[in-house]
Amino acid sequence: MKFLFVLLSGGVLLTTAFAPRPWDIFSSLQIDREEVPRYIDRNFEDGELRFPNTRELKKLDPSRRAAAVKEIGDFIKNYMHSPAYAKKFSKDRENAKPKSAEGKIKAEIADLEKSIPEAEKDLKEATEATKALAESLVKMLKEKYNALKNPSDPKHELYVMTVAGMDYTNAADYEAAVKKWDAEYPAAPEDLIRKRLQQFLDLTADINFEAELKTDSHGVKYFADEELERKNEHWKLCFRSGKETVTAARTYAEQWLKELK
């Protein structure tokens, strides 16, 4: 039943506000509701197939797996098409966007313009014990701000390197990074949902659940077919999940894709 969470690879941060029935499936599988969001968020962002592992998850009867997949799928889909998720997705996408050296410097200057007045206020309210430290902080922030703003400042290059490092100082490297980001973070959540669902369907299109397994001297099972043994960990995870679970998840993914087109 591990593959129950493969469907969550297109998932999002779960909140009980969107549950059709509050956490029925997660409660029955004894999955900590505080633990679930971290897995779903990672699966969605990175295309991973991680899941909370419990004894109940492993013991779930094959006859119950299709219903469990549908219940979780409905829960996730309901949230993913909500305004709350659209807002979260937009914020996460923008935060993940690569910043050029110039962009990093501008962002740092803007941050300093907020930090300096706050530090000056703290200095005015400082006690004798903390005054020296507060003065030092104000001096450092102003020095950094002035140096970043003035290319003629002797410390300009030092602070530029401190803030921007070597990241994307070359225009071609920056453009390539943005292109990669745009592919990994489509403009609309629906585009990323389609991508994750299609990845799952491609991954599980050729699983032979009757494939022969052997056991080595340490009790570890492996595929008799060397080609299958070379498959990646995600494919093997799906294999171990069983035909009932994968078939139900594929059916759900195919229907969801049709709805998105």
Protein backbone atom coordinates (compact mmCIF):
# COMPACT_ATOMS: atom_id res chain seq x y z
CA MET A 1 0.00 0.00 0.00
CA LYS A 2 3.04 2.23 -0.14
CA PHE A 3 1.89 3.44 -3.52
CA LEU A 4 -1.05 5.10 -1.87
CA PHE A 5 1.14 8.20 -1.71
CA VAL A 6 2.30 8.09 -5.31
CA LEU A 7 -0.85 9.98 -6.17
CA LEU A 8 0.32 12.61 -3.73
CA SER A 9 3.28 13.40 -5.99
CA GLY A 10 0.94 15.93 -7.51
CA GLY A 11 -0.19 16.88 -4.04
CA VAL A 12 -0.28 19.99 -1.92
CA LEU A 13 -0.32 21.14 1.65
CA LEU A 14 -3.31 19.50 3.28
CA THR A 15 -5.69 21.40 5.50
CA THR A 16 -8.70 19.96 7.25
CA ALA A 17 -10.85 22.77 5.89
CA PHE A 18 -10.97 21.04 2.52
CA ALA A 19 -11.54 17.47 3.71
CA PRO A 20 -14.87 15.99 2.53
CA ARG A 21 -14.83 13.87 5.68
CA PRO A 22 -12.21 14.90 8.25
CA TRP A 23 -9.18 12.69 7.84
CA ASP A 24 -11.05 9.38 7.65
CA ILE A 25 -8.43 7.54 5.61
CA PHE A 26 -5.44 9.04 7.42
CA SER A 27 -6.91 8.24 10.82
CA SER A 28 -7.67 4.67 9.81
CA LEU A 29 -4.11 4.24 8.59
CA GLN A 30 -2.77 5.80 11.81
CA ILE A 31 -0.91 8.47 9.90
CA ASP A 32 -0.13 11.56 11.97
CA ARG A 33 -1.99 14.43 10.35
CA GLU A 34 0.87 16.77 11.32
CA GLU A 35 3.26 14.61 9.33
CA VAL A 36 1.29 14.43 6.08
CA PRO A 37 1.76 18.01 4.79
CA ARG A 38 5.55 17.75 4.73
CA TYR A 39 5.42 14.66 2.56
CA ILE A 40 2.82 16.04 0.18
CA ASP A 41 4.62 19.34 -0.21
CA ARG A 42 7.91 17.61 -1.00
CA ASN A 43 6.25 15.19 -3.41
CA PHE A 44 4.62 18.05 -5.23
CA GLU A 45 7.68 20.27 -5.42
CA ASP A 46 10.26 17.61 -6.24
CA GLY A 47 8.26 14.79 -7.80
CA GLU A 48 9.30 12.44 -5.01
CA LEU A 49 7.33 9.39 -3.88
CA ARG A 50 7.78 9.73 -0.14
CA PHE A 51 5.14 8.72 2.37
CA PRO A 52 4.56 8.27 6.10
CA ASN A 53 5.15 4.59 6.82
CA THR A 54 2.87 2.87 9.32
CA ARG A 55 1.97 -0.71 10.17
CA GLU A 56 -1.65 -0.07 9.23
CA LEU A 57 -0.56 1.15 5.82
CA LYS A 58 1.20 -2.14 5.14
CA LYS A 59 -1.70 -4.19 6.50
CA LEU A 60 -4.40 -2.50 4.42
CA ASP A 61 -6.34 -5.19 2.59
CA PRO A 62 -6.02 -5.15 -1.22
CA SER A 63 -9.79 -4.90 -1.52
CA ARG A 64 -9.66 -1.58 0.37
CA ARG A 65 -6.83 -0.02 -1.61
CA ALA A 66 -8.83 1.33 -4.55
CA ALA A 67 -11.22 3.11 -2.20
CA ALA A 68 -8.31 4.50 -0.19
CA VAL A 69 -6.64 5.87 -3.31
CA LYS A 70 -9.87 7.53 -4.41
CA GLU A 71 -10.50 9.06 -1.00
CA ILE A 72 -7.04 10.56 -0.84
CA GLY A 73 -7.20 11.64 -4.48
CA ASP A 74 -10.51 13.43 -3.98
CA PHE A 75 -9.15 15.18 -0.91
CA ILE A 76 -6.04 16.42 -2.71
CA LYS A 77 -7.83 17.44 -5.89
CA ASN A 78 -10.35 19.48 -3.93
CA TYR A 79 -7.56 21.53 -2.38
CA MET A 80 -5.42 21.81 -5.50
CA HIS A 81 -8.19 23.58 -7.36
CA SER A 82 -8.86 25.98 -4.52
CA PRO A 83 -7.98 29.70 -4.39
CA ALA A 84 -5.88 29.02 -1.29
CA TYR A 85 -3.58 26.69 -3.19
CA ALA A 86 -3.36 28.99 -6.21
CA LYS A 87 -2.07 31.72 -3.89
CA LYS A 88 0.43 29.39 -2.21
CA PHE A 89 1.66 28.07 -5.55
CA SER A 90 2.25 31.58 -6.89
CA LYS A 91 4.27 32.52 -3.81
CA ASP A 92 6.35 29.33 -3.85
CA ARG A 93 7.03 29.74 -7.56
CA GLU A 94 8.28 33.29 -7.16
CA ASN A 95 10.46 32.35 -4.19
CA ALA A 96 12.07 29.58 -6.22
CA LYS A 97 12.92 31.83 -9.16
CA PRO A 98 16.68 32.28 -9.63
CA LYS A 99 17.95 35.78 -8.95
CA SER A 100 20.66 37.42 -10.99
CA ALA A 101 23.58 39.06 -9.21
CA GLU A 102 21.89 42.41 -9.90
CA GLY A 103 18.59 41.12 -8.54
CA LYS A 104 20.23 39.88 -5.34
CA ILE A 105 21.93 43.22 -4.78
CA LYS A 106 18.69 45.16 -5.32
CA ALA A 107 16.89 42.87 -2.90
CA GLU A 108 19.64 43.34 -0.30
CA ILE A 109 19.53 47.13 -0.65
CA ALA A 110 15.75 47.09 -0.22
CA ASP A 111 16.13 44.94 2.89
CA LEU A 112 18.78 47.28 4.32
CA GLU A 113 16.49 50.26 3.79
CA LYS A 114 14.08 48.58 6.19
CA SER A 115 16.69 47.20 8.59
CA ILE A 116 18.66 50.40 9.20
CA PRO A 117 15.74 52.44 10.65
CA GLU A 118 14.83 49.49 12.85
CA ALA A 119 18.41 49.19 14.08
CA GLU A 120 18.56 52.95 14.77
CA LYS A 121 15.36 52.69 16.79
CA ASP A 122 16.84 49.83 18.80
CA LEU A 123 19.95 51.97 19.40
CA LYS A 124 17.87 54.79 20.89
CA GLU A 125 16.19 52.30 23.23
CA ALA A 126 19.39 50.44 24.11
CA THR A 127 20.62 50.14 27.67
CA GLU A 128 24.21 50.82 28.70
CA ALA A 129 24.87 47.11 28.48
CA THR A 130 23.61 46.79 24.89
CA LYS A 131 24.45 50.23 23.48
CA ALA A 132 27.87 49.30 22.11
CA LEU A 133 26.49 46.28 20.27
CA ALA A 134 23.58 48.32 18.84
CA GLU A 135 25.98 51.04 17.64
CA SER A 136 28.17 48.44 15.97
CA LEU A 137 25.17 46.96 14.16
CA VAL A 138 23.98 50.34 12.85
CA LYS A 139 27.50 51.17 11.65
CA MET A 140 27.84 47.82 9.86
CA LEU A 141 24.46 48.06 8.14
CA LYS A 142 25.11 51.61 6.93
CA GLU A 143 28.57 50.66 5.70
CA LYS A 144 27.13 47.78 3.72
CA TYR A 145 24.29 49.91 2.32
CA ASN A 146 26.59 52.74 1.21
CA ALA A 147 29.08 50.33 -0.33
CA LEU A 148 26.44 48.49 -2.34
CA LYS A 149 24.92 51.75 -3.58
CA ASN A 150 28.25 53.32 -4.58
CA PRO A 151 30.50 51.49 -7.09
CA SER A 152 33.33 53.85 -6.14
CA ASP A 153 33.26 52.78 -2.51
CA PRO A 154 36.45 50.85 -1.59
CA LYS A 155 34.33 48.03 -0.16
CA HIS A 156 31.84 47.87 -3.03
CA GLU A 157 33.30 44.73 -4.65
CA LEU A 158 33.64 42.99 -1.29
CA TYR A 159 29.99 43.47 -0.42
CA VAL A 160 28.84 42.63 -3.94
CA MET A 161 30.64 39.29 -3.71
CA THR A 162 29.25 38.73 -0.21
CA VAL A 163 25.68 39.29 -1.36
CA ALA A 164 25.71 37.90 -4.91
CA GLY A 165 28.51 35.38 -4.73
CA MET A 166 29.30 33.86 -8.11
CA ASP A 167 25.69 32.89 -8.85
CA TYR A 168 24.50 33.89 -12.30
CA THR A 169 26.99 36.70 -12.80
CA ASN A 170 27.14 35.39 -16.35
CA ALA A 171 24.01 36.35 -18.32
CA ALA A 172 23.89 33.03 -20.20
CA ASP A 173 24.05 31.02 -16.96
CA TYR A 174 21.26 33.09 -15.48
CA GLU A 175 19.04 32.65 -18.54
CA ALA A 176 19.62 28.89 -18.43
CA ALA A 177 18.70 28.81 -14.72
CA VAL A 178 15.50 30.76 -15.36
CA LYS A 179 14.59 28.44 -18.23
CA LYS A 180 15.05 25.42 -15.97
CA TRP A 181 13.00 27.08 -13.23
CA ASP A 182 10.19 27.86 -15.67
CA ALA A 183 10.08 24.20 -16.76
CA GLU A 184 10.04 22.93 -13.19
CA TYR A 185 7.62 25.61 -12.00
CA PRO A 186 4.97 26.18 -14.70
CA ALA A 187 3.05 29.44 -14.50
CA ALA A 188 -0.21 27.75 -13.47
CA PRO A 189 -0.71 25.00 -10.84
CA GLU A 190 -2.73 22.98 -13.35
CA ASP A 191 0.32 22.68 -15.58
CA LEU A 192 2.38 21.17 -12.79
CA ILE A 193 -0.47 18.85 -11.85
CA ARG A 194 -0.58 17.59 -15.44
CA LYS A 195 3.18 17.09 -15.39
CA ARG A 196 3.15 15.05 -12.18
CA LEU A 197 0.18 12.91 -13.23
CA GLN A 198 1.75 12.18 -16.61
CA GLN A 199 5.07 11.32 -14.96
CA PHE A 200 3.25 8.81 -12.80
CA LEU A 201 1.42 7.25 -15.76
CA ASP A 202 4.66 6.96 -17.72
CA LEU A 203 6.43 5.44 -14.73
CA THR A 204 3.79 2.75 -14.17
CA ALA A 205 2.93 1.93 -17.77
CA ASP A 206 5.06 -1.23 -18.01
CA ILE A 207 5.00 -2.84 -14.57
CA ASN A 208 4.87 -6.62 -14.66
CA PHE A 209 3.52 -7.58 -11.27
CA GLU A 210 4.23 -11.23 -12.01
CA ALA A 211 7.97 -10.63 -12.38
CA GLU A 212 10.10 -13.25 -10.66
CA LEU A 213 11.87 -12.29 -7.46
CA LYS A 214 14.84 -13.99 -5.84
CA THR A 215 16.31 -13.68 -2.36
CA ASP A 216 20.00 -13.19 -1.64
CA SER A 217 21.97 -14.58 1.31
CA HIS A 218 20.94 -11.63 3.48
CA GLY A 219 17.24 -12.14 2.85
CA VAL A 220 16.97 -9.18 0.47
CA LYS A 221 14.69 -9.70 -2.52
CA TYR A 222 15.75 -8.72 -6.02
CA PHE A 223 14.50 -9.18 -9.58
CA ALA A 224 15.65 -12.25 -11.47
CA ASP A 225 15.51 -10.12 -14.63
CA GLU A 226 18.60 -7.88 -14.60
CA GLU A 227 16.84 -5.22 -16.66
CA LEU A 228 14.10 -4.91 -14.04
CA GLU A 229 16.68 -4.86 -11.27
CA ARG A 230 18.21 -1.78 -12.92
CA LYS A 231 14.91 0.11 -12.69
CA ASN A 232 14.92 3.17 -10.43
CA GLU A 233 13.68 3.18 -6.83
CA HIS A 234 10.36 4.83 -7.75
CA TRP A 235 9.49 2.09 -10.23
CA LYS A 236 10.37 -0.56 -7.65
CA LEU A 237 8.29 1.22 -5.04
CA CYS A 238 5.30 1.04 -7.37
CA PHE A 239 5.94 -2.64 -8.01
CA ARG A 240 5.96 -3.38 -4.28
CA SER A 241 2.71 -1.46 -3.85
CA GLY A 242 0.84 -4.12 -5.76
CA LYS A 243 -1.38 -4.32 -8.79
CA GLU A 244 -4.58 -3.29 -7.01
CA THR A 245 -3.11 -0.04 -5.72
CA VAL A 246 -1.33 0.94 -8.92
CA THR A 247 -4.33 0.15 -11.10
CA ALA A 248 -6.58 2.30 -8.92
CA ALA A 249 -4.09 5.16 -8.92
CA ARG A 250 -3.62 4.99 -12.69
CA THR A 251 -7.38 5.08 -13.22
CA TYR A 252 -7.66 8.10 -10.97
CA ALA A 253 -4.74 9.88 -12.64
CA GLU A 254 -6.13 9.26 -16.13
CA GLN A 255 -9.53 10.65 -15.16
CA TRP A 256 -7.97 13.68 -13.51
CA LEU A 257 -5.92 14.39 -16.62
CA LYS A 258 -9.07 14.26 -18.76
CA GLU A 259 -10.70 16.82 -16.47
CA LEU A 260 -7.69 19.13 -16.80
CA LYS A 261 -7.73 19.14 -20.60
